[in-house]
Amino acid sequence: MAYFLDIDGTLVEFRDTPSRVHLAAARRRALAKLSQRAGGAVAIVSGRAIAEIDRILPGTHFPAAGQHGAERRDAAGRYSRVAMPGSAVVRVRDRIAAAVARHPGLLLEDKSCSFALHYRRAPRLAGYAHRLMRAQLPRLGSGWMVQRGKRVVELKPAGRDKGMAVLAFMSEEPFCGRTPVFIGDDVTDEFGFATVNSLGGVSVKVGAGATAAAIRVRDVRAVWEWLARGGALPQGTRTRRRSA
């Protein structure tokens, strides 16, 4: 098997702000053991920046795709990212930051290749947050898109997603020739599910919601129970595959 794991809502519970998320040392060791058993074929595929992935998983340096595939670190440690136009992005970031400053509870996260506007602490501002981010698209051009998430809305480079990140890993050692397993919880993970399904792999949805995944497990705890069993395929409810 080759394992592709989301972080928030999959390996860790959501917190009020992204910076408050941490992973206990025992759980980091469990991931390292899974990687060892899989010959290094364990990658983190997240909406977070790779720098944030490394903060949550210190000392591990897993292969990783960050910002929904806008940046990637392969198993050999080689790093790549999308090219970023400069001035337009800076102006958009400053415009969003000024709007956020007028609305307590909103949080703008600048990930370098993308921007995430979190409204977890102010769910009543969901509509405003989505309108604000959509309004920036004409200023950025056709190379950008809006990505929905769980109480977050993002601006990110178009043409990059978690499914494409999985394909890139699957073309390289030590992932190639293995059966892919993708575990995630969010609408952004549906790209990974669809790709893994097309490759004859195993897609696992954490929690409720419409999904293309073949298997559903109840929560983060169930994911770690699966890891404690040594990475055998998770015991969960098989779902009808349907788009989120």
C-alpha atoms as a PDB file:
ATOM      1  CA  MET A   1       0.000   0.000   0.000  1.00  0.00           C
ATOM      2  CA  ALA A   2       0.920   3.661  -0.474  1.00  0.00           C
ATOM      3  CA  TYR A   3      -0.709   5.939   2.091  1.00  0.00           C
ATOM      4  CA  PHE A   4      -1.881   9.536   1.535  1.00  0.00           C
ATOM      5  CA  LEU A   5      -3.128  11.295   4.652  1.00  0.00           C
ATOM      6  CA  ASP A   6      -4.853  14.614   5.228  1.00  0.00           C
ATOM      7  CA  ILE A   7      -4.189  16.395   8.542  1.00  0.00           C
ATOM      8  CA  ASP A   8      -7.058  18.561   9.838  1.00  0.00           C
ATOM      9  CA  GLY A   9     -10.172  16.528  10.554  1.00  0.00           C
ATOM     10  CA  THR A  10      -8.274  13.336   9.731  1.00  0.00           C
ATOM     11  CA  LEU A  11      -5.174  13.061  11.930  1.00  0.00           C
ATOM     12  CA  VAL A  12      -6.119  15.918  14.280  1.00  0.00           C
ATOM     13  CA  GLU A  13      -9.339  17.533  15.420  1.00  0.00           C
ATOM     14  CA  PHE A  14     -10.112  21.055  14.225  1.00  0.00           C
ATOM     15  CA  ARG A  15      -9.182  23.923  16.523  1.00  0.00           C
ATOM     16  CA  ASP A  16     -10.341  27.549  16.594  1.00  0.00           C
ATOM     17  CA  THR A  17      -7.196  28.681  14.782  1.00  0.00           C
ATOM     18  CA  PRO A  18      -4.781  26.639  12.616  1.00  0.00           C
ATOM     19  CA  SER A  19      -1.781  27.546  14.775  1.00  0.00           C
ATOM     20  CA  ARG A  20      -3.284  25.770  17.793  1.00  0.00           C
ATOM     21  CA  VAL A  21      -3.150  22.359  16.125  1.00  0.00           C
ATOM     22  CA  HIS A  22      -0.462  19.999  17.432  1.00  0.00           C
ATOM     23  CA  LEU A  23       0.123  16.257  17.218  1.00  0.00           C
ATOM     24  CA  ALA A  24       1.295  14.307  20.255  1.00  0.00           C
ATOM     25  CA  ALA A  25       4.684  12.614  20.103  1.00  0.00           C
ATOM     26  CA  ALA A  26       3.112   9.152  20.437  1.00  0.00           C
ATOM     27  CA  ARG A  27       1.024   9.759  17.342  1.00  0.00           C
ATOM     28  CA  ARG A  28       4.017  11.069  15.410  1.00  0.00           C
ATOM     29  CA  ARG A  29       5.822   7.848  16.300  1.00  0.00           C
ATOM     30  CA  ALA A  30       2.843   5.835  15.047  1.00  0.00           C
ATOM     31  CA  LEU A  31       3.058   7.587  11.680  1.00  0.00           C
ATOM     32  CA  ALA A  32       6.801   6.966  11.524  1.00  0.00           C
ATOM     33  CA  LYS A  33       6.210   3.246  12.179  1.00  0.00           C
ATOM     34  CA  LEU A  34       3.591   3.137   9.414  1.00  0.00           C
ATOM     35  CA  SER A  35       6.071   4.765   7.046  1.00  0.00           C
ATOM     36  CA  GLN A  36       8.740   2.246   7.986  1.00  0.00           C
ATOM     37  CA  ARG A  37       6.391  -0.669   7.379  1.00  0.00           C
ATOM     38  CA  ALA A  38       5.356   0.838   4.029  1.00  0.00           C
ATOM     39  CA  GLY A  39       8.906   1.344   2.840  1.00  0.00           C
ATOM     40  CA  GLY A  40       8.555   5.118   3.052  1.00  0.00           C
ATOM     41  CA  ALA A  41       5.352   5.235   0.998  1.00  0.00           C
ATOM     42  CA  VAL A  42       3.467   7.560   3.356  1.00  0.00           C
ATOM     43  CA  ALA A  43       2.764  11.146   2.266  1.00  0.00           C
ATOM     44  CA  ILE A  44       0.893  14.004   3.905  1.00  0.00           C
ATOM     45  CA  VAL A  45      -1.505  15.694   1.470  1.00  0.00           C
ATOM     46  CA  SER A  46      -2.963  18.821   3.043  1.00  0.00           C
ATOM     47  CA  GLY A  47      -4.315  22.278   2.450  1.00  0.00           C
ATOM     48  CA  ARG A  48      -1.695  23.517   4.898  1.00  0.00           C
ATOM     49  CA  ALA A  49       1.646  24.832   3.748  1.00  0.00           C
ATOM     50  CA  ILE A  50       4.508  22.351   3.989  1.00  0.00           C
ATOM     51  CA  ALA A  51       6.133  24.554   6.642  1.00  0.00           C
ATOM     52  CA  GLU A  52       2.989  24.095   8.753  1.00  0.00           C
ATOM     53  CA  ILE A  53       2.964  20.342   8.105  1.00  0.00           C
ATOM     54  CA  ASP A  54       6.542  20.176   9.427  1.00  0.00           C
ATOM     55  CA  ARG A  55       5.557  22.251  12.487  1.00  0.00           C
ATOM     56  CA  ILE A  56       2.804  19.771  13.342  1.00  0.00           C
ATOM     57  CA  LEU A  57       5.035  16.768  12.567  1.00  0.00           C
ATOM     58  CA  PRO A  58       8.470  17.904  13.784  1.00  0.00           C
ATOM     59  CA  GLY A  59      11.395  15.623  13.105  1.00  0.00           C
ATOM     60  CA  THR A  60       9.549  13.467  10.566  1.00  0.00           C
ATOM     61  CA  HIS A  61      10.065  15.160   7.159  1.00  0.00           C
ATOM     62  CA  PHE A  62       7.466  13.048   5.352  1.00  0.00           C
ATOM     63  CA  PRO A  63       6.910  13.443   1.617  1.00  0.00           C
ATOM     64  CA  ALA A  64       4.236  16.106   1.467  1.00  0.00           C
ATOM     65  CA  ALA A  65       1.924  18.058  -0.792  1.00  0.00           C
ATOM     66  CA  GLY A  66       0.943  21.392   0.699  1.00  0.00           C
ATOM     67  CA  GLN A  67      -1.624  24.022  -0.230  1.00  0.00           C
ATOM     68  CA  HIS A  68      -3.710  21.450  -2.125  1.00  0.00           C
ATOM     69  CA  GLY A  69      -0.747  20.537  -4.323  1.00  0.00           C
ATOM     70  CA  ALA A  70       0.561  24.035  -5.032  1.00  0.00           C
ATOM     71  CA  GLU A  71       3.810  22.912  -3.379  1.00  0.00           C
ATOM     72  CA  ARG A  72       5.299  19.435  -3.034  1.00  0.00           C
ATOM     73  CA  ARG A  73       8.246  17.657  -1.412  1.00  0.00           C
ATOM     74  CA  ASP A  74       9.024  14.228  -2.840  1.00  0.00           C
ATOM     75  CA  ALA A  75      10.502  11.252  -1.001  1.00  0.00           C
ATOM     76  CA  ALA A  76      14.030  12.381  -1.931  1.00  0.00           C
ATOM     77  CA  GLY A  77      13.400  15.759  -0.318  1.00  0.00           C
ATOM     78  CA  ARG A  78      13.173  17.706  -3.582  1.00  0.00           C
ATOM     79  CA  TYR A  79      10.869  20.710  -3.251  1.00  0.00           C
ATOM     80  CA  SER A  80       8.765  22.360  -5.964  1.00  0.00           C
ATOM     81  CA  ARG A  81       5.984  24.960  -6.038  1.00  0.00           C
ATOM     82  CA  VAL A  82       3.893  26.902  -8.511  1.00  0.00           C
ATOM     83  CA  ALA A  83       5.273  30.165  -9.818  1.00  0.00           C
ATOM     84  CA  MET A  84       3.624  33.136  -8.131  1.00  0.00           C
ATOM     85  CA  PRO A  85       2.910  36.493  -9.799  1.00  0.00           C
ATOM     86  CA  GLY A  86       4.090  39.172  -7.401  1.00  0.00           C
ATOM     87  CA  SER A  87       2.364  42.528  -7.259  1.00  0.00           C
ATOM     88  CA  ALA A  88      -1.217  41.432  -7.942  1.00  0.00           C
ATOM     89  CA  VAL A  89      -1.063  38.807  -5.190  1.00  0.00           C
ATOM     90  CA  VAL A  90       0.318  41.306  -2.679  1.00  0.00           C
ATOM     91  CA  ARG A  91      -2.429  43.794  -3.469  1.00  0.00           C
ATOM     92  CA  VAL A  92      -5.115  41.145  -3.064  1.00  0.00           C
ATOM     93  CA  ARG A  93      -3.660  39.976   0.221  1.00  0.00           C
ATOM     94  CA  ASP A  94      -3.592  43.522   1.557  1.00  0.00           C
ATOM     95  CA  ARG A  95      -7.174  44.113   0.400  1.00  0.00           C
ATOM     96  CA  ILE A  96      -8.400  40.973   2.172  1.00  0.00           C
ATOM     97  CA  ALA A  97      -6.405  41.787   5.314  1.00  0.00           C
ATOM     98  CA  ALA A  98      -7.978  45.250   5.492  1.00  0.00           C
ATOM     99  CA  ALA A  99     -11.476  43.766   5.203  1.00  0.00           C
ATOM    100  CA  VAL A 100     -10.721  41.101   7.818  1.00  0.00           C
ATOM    101  CA  ALA A 101      -9.493  43.740  10.268  1.00  0.00           C
ATOM    102  CA  ARG A 102     -12.994  45.234  10.272  1.00  0.00           C
ATOM    103  CA  HIS A 103     -14.660  41.920  11.200  1.00  0.00           C
ATOM    104  CA  PRO A 104     -13.585  40.339  14.513  1.00  0.00           C
ATOM    105  CA  GLY A 105     -13.541  36.558  14.381  1.00  0.00           C
ATOM    106  CA  LEU A 106     -12.216  36.277  10.831  1.00  0.00           C
ATOM    107  CA  LEU A 107      -8.647  35.056  10.349  1.00  0.00           C
ATOM    108  CA  LEU A 108      -6.585  35.422   7.173  1.00  0.00           C
ATOM    109  CA  GLU A 109      -3.862  32.810   6.697  1.00  0.00           C
ATOM    110  CA  ASP A 110      -1.199  33.689   4.107  1.00  0.00           C
ATOM    111  CA  LYS A 111       0.346  30.393   2.978  1.00  0.00           C
ATOM    112  CA  SER A 112       2.658  31.977   0.370  1.00  0.00           C
ATOM    113  CA  CYS A 113       1.017  30.190  -2.599  1.00  0.00           C
ATOM    114  CA  SER A 114      -2.560  30.620  -1.425  1.00  0.00           C
ATOM    115  CA  PHE A 115      -4.745  32.502   1.048  1.00  0.00           C
ATOM    116  CA  ALA A 116      -7.221  30.970   3.485  1.00  0.00           C
ATOM    117  CA  LEU A 117      -9.950  32.969   5.178  1.00  0.00           C
ATOM    118  CA  HIS A 118     -11.131  31.143   8.315  1.00  0.00           C
ATOM    119  CA  TYR A 119     -14.514  31.893   9.852  1.00  0.00           C
ATOM    120  CA  ARG A 120     -14.646  29.075  12.409  1.00  0.00           C
ATOM    121  CA  ARG A 121     -14.770  31.638  15.243  1.00  0.00           C
ATOM    122  CA  ALA A 122     -17.436  33.678  13.439  1.00  0.00           C
ATOM    123  CA  PRO A 123     -19.680  31.283  11.471  1.00  0.00           C
ATOM    124  CA  ARG A 124     -22.262  34.045  10.996  1.00  0.00           C
ATOM    125  CA  LEU A 125     -19.754  35.680   8.613  1.00  0.00           C
ATOM    126  CA  ALA A 126     -19.612  32.689   6.259  1.00  0.00           C
ATOM    127  CA  GLY A 127     -21.486  34.436   3.462  1.00  0.00           C
ATOM    128  CA  TYR A 128     -19.377  37.557   3.762  1.00  0.00           C
ATOM    129  CA  ALA A 129     -16.150  35.537   3.725  1.00  0.00           C
ATOM    130  CA  HIS A 130     -17.121  33.694   0.540  1.00  0.00           C
ATOM    131  CA  ARG A 131     -18.217  36.893  -1.212  1.00  0.00           C
ATOM    132  CA  LEU A 132     -15.000  38.662  -0.227  1.00  0.00           C
ATOM    133  CA  MET A 133     -12.808  35.913  -1.653  1.00  0.00           C
ATOM    134  CA  ARG A 134     -14.819  35.523  -4.863  1.00  0.00           C
ATOM    135  CA  ALA A 135     -14.575  39.273  -5.432  1.00  0.00           C
ATOM    136  CA  GLN A 136     -10.772  38.980  -5.686  1.00  0.00           C
ATOM    137  CA  LEU A 137     -10.747  36.587  -8.646  1.00  0.00           C
ATOM    138  CA  PRO A 138     -10.936  39.300 -11.353  1.00  0.00           C
ATOM    139  CA  ARG A 139      -7.876  40.942  -9.806  1.00  0.00           C
ATOM    140  CA  LEU A 140      -5.883  37.695  -9.912  1.00  0.00           C
ATOM    141  CA  GLY A 141      -6.883  36.375 -13.321  1.00  0.00           C
ATOM    142  CA  SER A 142      -7.827  32.974 -14.690  1.00  0.00           C
ATOM    143  CA  GLY A 143      -4.943  31.191 -12.984  1.00  0.00           C
ATOM    144  CA  TRP A 144      -6.726  31.296  -9.629  1.00  0.00           C
ATOM    145  CA  MET A 145      -9.823  29.713  -8.135  1.00  0.00           C
ATOM    146  CA  VAL A 146     -11.913  29.680  -4.961  1.00  0.00           C
ATOM    147  CA  GLN A 147     -11.781  26.511  -2.849  1.00  0.00           C
ATOM    148  CA  ARG A 148     -14.388  25.770  -0.183  1.00  0.00           C
ATOM    149  CA  GLY A 149     -13.553  23.934   3.024  1.00  0.00           C
ATOM    150  CA  LYS A 150     -14.863  23.376   6.536  1.00  0.00           C
ATOM    151  CA  ARG A 151     -15.527  26.927   7.786  1.00  0.00           C
ATOM    152  CA  VAL A 152     -12.788  28.218   5.513  1.00  0.00           C
ATOM    153  CA  VAL A 153     -12.671  29.595   1.989  1.00  0.00           C
ATOM    154  CA  GLU A 154      -9.434  29.829   0.024  1.00  0.00           C
ATOM    155  CA  LEU A 155      -7.917  31.477  -3.008  1.00  0.00           C
ATOM    156  CA  LYS A 156      -5.471  29.083  -4.639  1.00  0.00           C
ATOM    157  CA  PRO A 157      -3.783  28.486  -7.982  1.00  0.00           C
ATOM    158  CA  ALA A 158      -6.104  26.758 -10.453  1.00  0.00           C
ATOM    159  CA  GLY A 159      -5.106  23.406 -11.894  1.00  0.00           C
ATOM    160  CA  ARG A 160      -3.645  22.042  -8.655  1.00  0.00           C
ATOM    161  CA  ASP A 161      -5.493  19.741  -6.284  1.00  0.00           C
ATOM    162  CA  LYS A 162      -4.922  16.787  -4.005  1.00  0.00           C
ATOM    163  CA  GLY A 163      -5.690  14.284  -6.742  1.00  0.00           C
ATOM    164  CA  MET A 164      -2.958  15.701  -8.956  1.00  0.00           C
ATOM    165  CA  ALA A 165      -0.568  15.544  -6.005  1.00  0.00           C
ATOM    166  CA  VAL A 166      -1.361  11.846  -5.544  1.00  0.00           C
ATOM    167  CA  LEU A 167      -0.694  11.187  -9.237  1.00  0.00           C
ATOM    168  CA  ALA A 168       2.680  12.908  -8.987  1.00  0.00           C
ATOM    169  CA  PHE A 169       3.690  10.765  -6.014  1.00  0.00           C
ATOM    170  CA  MET A 170       2.425   7.572  -7.665  1.00  0.00           C
ATOM    171  CA  SER A 171       4.811   8.129 -10.581  1.00  0.00           C
ATOM    172  CA  GLU A 172       7.811   8.098  -8.230  1.00  0.00           C
ATOM    173  CA  GLU A 173       9.563   5.748  -5.823  1.00  0.00           C
ATOM    174  CA  PRO A 174       8.652   4.488  -3.290  1.00  0.00           C
ATOM    175  CA  PHE A 175       4.970   4.959  -4.228  1.00  0.00           C
ATOM    176  CA  CYS A 176       4.860   3.623  -7.778  1.00  0.00           C
ATOM    177  CA  GLY A 177       3.533   0.090  -8.221  1.00  0.00           C
ATOM    178  CA  ARG A 178       1.640   0.193  -4.925  1.00  0.00           C
ATOM    179  CA  THR A 179      -2.084   0.369  -4.197  1.00  0.00           C
ATOM    180  CA  PRO A 180      -2.935   3.922  -3.050  1.00  0.00           C
ATOM    181  CA  VAL A 181      -4.961   4.580   0.099  1.00  0.00           C
ATOM    182  CA  PHE A 182      -6.264   8.130   0.617  1.00  0.00           C
ATOM    183  CA  ILE A 183      -7.828   9.208   3.910  1.00  0.00           C
ATOM    184  CA  GLY A 184      -9.459  12.626   4.294  1.00  0.00           C
ATOM    185  CA  ASP A 185     -12.501  14.388   5.662  1.00  0.00           C
ATOM    186  CA  ASP A 186     -13.226  17.494   3.587  1.00  0.00           C
ATOM    187  CA  VAL A 187     -14.571  18.504   0.201  1.00  0.00           C
ATOM    188  CA  THR A 188     -10.979  19.261  -0.837  1.00  0.00           C
ATOM    189  CA  ASP A 189     -10.169  15.574  -0.297  1.00  0.00           C
ATOM    190  CA  GLU A 190     -12.736  14.513  -2.891  1.00  0.00           C
ATOM    191  CA  PHE A 191     -10.107  15.148  -5.586  1.00  0.00           C
ATOM    192  CA  GLY A 192      -7.879  12.623  -3.845  1.00  0.00           C
ATOM    193  CA  PHE A 193     -10.718  10.130  -3.488  1.00  0.00           C
ATOM    194  CA  ALA A 194     -11.584  10.357  -7.188  1.00  0.00           C
ATOM    195  CA  THR A 195      -7.970   9.836  -8.237  1.00  0.00           C
ATOM    196  CA  VAL A 196      -7.423   6.887  -5.916  1.00  0.00           C
ATOM    197  CA  ASN A 197     -10.682   5.303  -7.088  1.00  0.00           C
ATOM    198  CA  SER A 198      -9.536   5.609 -10.706  1.00  0.00           C
ATOM    199  CA  LEU A 199      -6.281   3.855  -9.784  1.00  0.00           C
ATOM    200  CA  GLY A 200      -8.107   0.949  -8.137  1.00  0.00           C
ATOM    201  CA  GLY A 201      -7.095   2.080  -4.667  1.00  0.00           C
ATOM    202  CA  VAL A 202      -8.918   2.610  -1.387  1.00  0.00           C
ATOM    203  CA  SER A 203     -10.629   5.925  -0.542  1.00  0.00           C
ATOM    204  CA  VAL A 204     -11.654   6.589   3.051  1.00  0.00           C
ATOM    205  CA  LYS A 205     -13.911   9.427   4.197  1.00  0.00           C
ATOM    206  CA  VAL A 206     -13.696  10.570   7.826  1.00  0.00           C
ATOM    207  CA  GLY A 207     -17.046  11.708   9.222  1.00  0.00           C
ATOM    208  CA  ALA A 208     -20.350  12.659   7.644  1.00  0.00           C
ATOM    209  CA  GLY A 209     -21.124  14.199   4.266  1.00  0.00           C
ATOM    210  CA  ALA A 210     -21.645  13.189   0.667  1.00  0.00           C
ATOM    211  CA  THR A 211     -18.536  11.612  -0.788  1.00  0.00           C
ATOM    212  CA  ALA A 212     -16.958   9.662  -3.623  1.00  0.00           C
ATOM    213  CA  ALA A 213     -15.039   7.581  -1.069  1.00  0.00           C
ATOM    214  CA  ALA A 214     -15.634   3.842  -0.878  1.00  0.00           C
ATOM    215  CA  ILE A 215     -15.297   3.566   2.911  1.00  0.00           C
ATOM    216  CA  ARG A 216     -16.422   5.818   5.744  1.00  0.00           C
ATOM    217  CA  VAL A 217     -15.028   5.918   9.288  1.00  0.00           C
ATOM    218  CA  ARG A 218     -16.626   7.897  12.062  1.00  0.00           C
ATOM    219  CA  ASP A 219     -13.940  10.305  13.282  1.00  0.00           C
ATOM    220  CA  VAL A 220     -10.269  11.101  13.969  1.00  0.00           C
ATOM    221  CA  ARG A 221     -10.166   8.529  16.753  1.00  0.00           C
ATOM    222  CA  ALA A 222     -11.189   5.818  14.307  1.00  0.00           C
ATOM    223  CA  VAL A 223      -8.289   6.787  12.033  1.00  0.00           C
ATOM    224  CA  TRP A 224      -5.836   6.321  14.887  1.00  0.00           C
ATOM    225  CA  GLU A 225      -7.430   3.016  15.847  1.00  0.00           C
ATOM    226  CA  TRP A 226      -6.727   1.934  12.279  1.00  0.00           C
ATOM    227  CA  LEU A 227      -3.109   3.074  12.557  1.00  0.00           C
ATOM    228  CA  ALA A 228      -2.788   1.152  15.832  1.00  0.00           C
ATOM    229  CA  ARG A 229      -3.771  -1.990  13.935  1.00  0.00           C
ATOM    230  CA  GLY A 230      -0.700  -1.532  11.780  1.00  0.00           C
ATOM    231  CA  GLY A 231      -2.243   0.179   8.764  1.00  0.00           C
ATOM    232  CA  ALA A 232      -4.534  -2.673   7.766  1.00  0.00           C
ATOM    233  CA  LEU A 233      -7.480  -1.389   5.768  1.00  0.00           C
ATOM    234  CA  PRO A 234      -9.850   0.486   8.073  1.00  0.00           C
ATOM    235  CA  GLN A 235     -13.018  -1.174   9.223  1.00  0.00           C
ATOM    236  CA  GLY A 236     -15.807   1.216   8.300  1.00  0.00           C
ATOM    237  CA  THR A 237     -19.123   1.608   6.586  1.00  0.00           C
ATOM    238  CA  ARG A 238     -18.864   1.125   2.858  1.00  0.00           C
ATOM    239  CA  THR A 239     -20.591   3.945   1.049  1.00  0.00           C
ATOM    240  CA  ARG A 240     -22.099   4.445  -2.317  1.00  0.00           C
ATOM    241  CA  ARG A 241     -19.597   6.465  -4.264  1.00  0.00           C
ATOM    242  CA  ARG A 242     -21.170   9.803  -5.062  1.00  0.00           C
ATOM    243  CA  SER A 243     -19.732  13.221  -5.592  1.00  0.00           C
ATOM    244  CA  ALA A 244     -19.688  15.676  -2.701  1.00  0.00           C
END
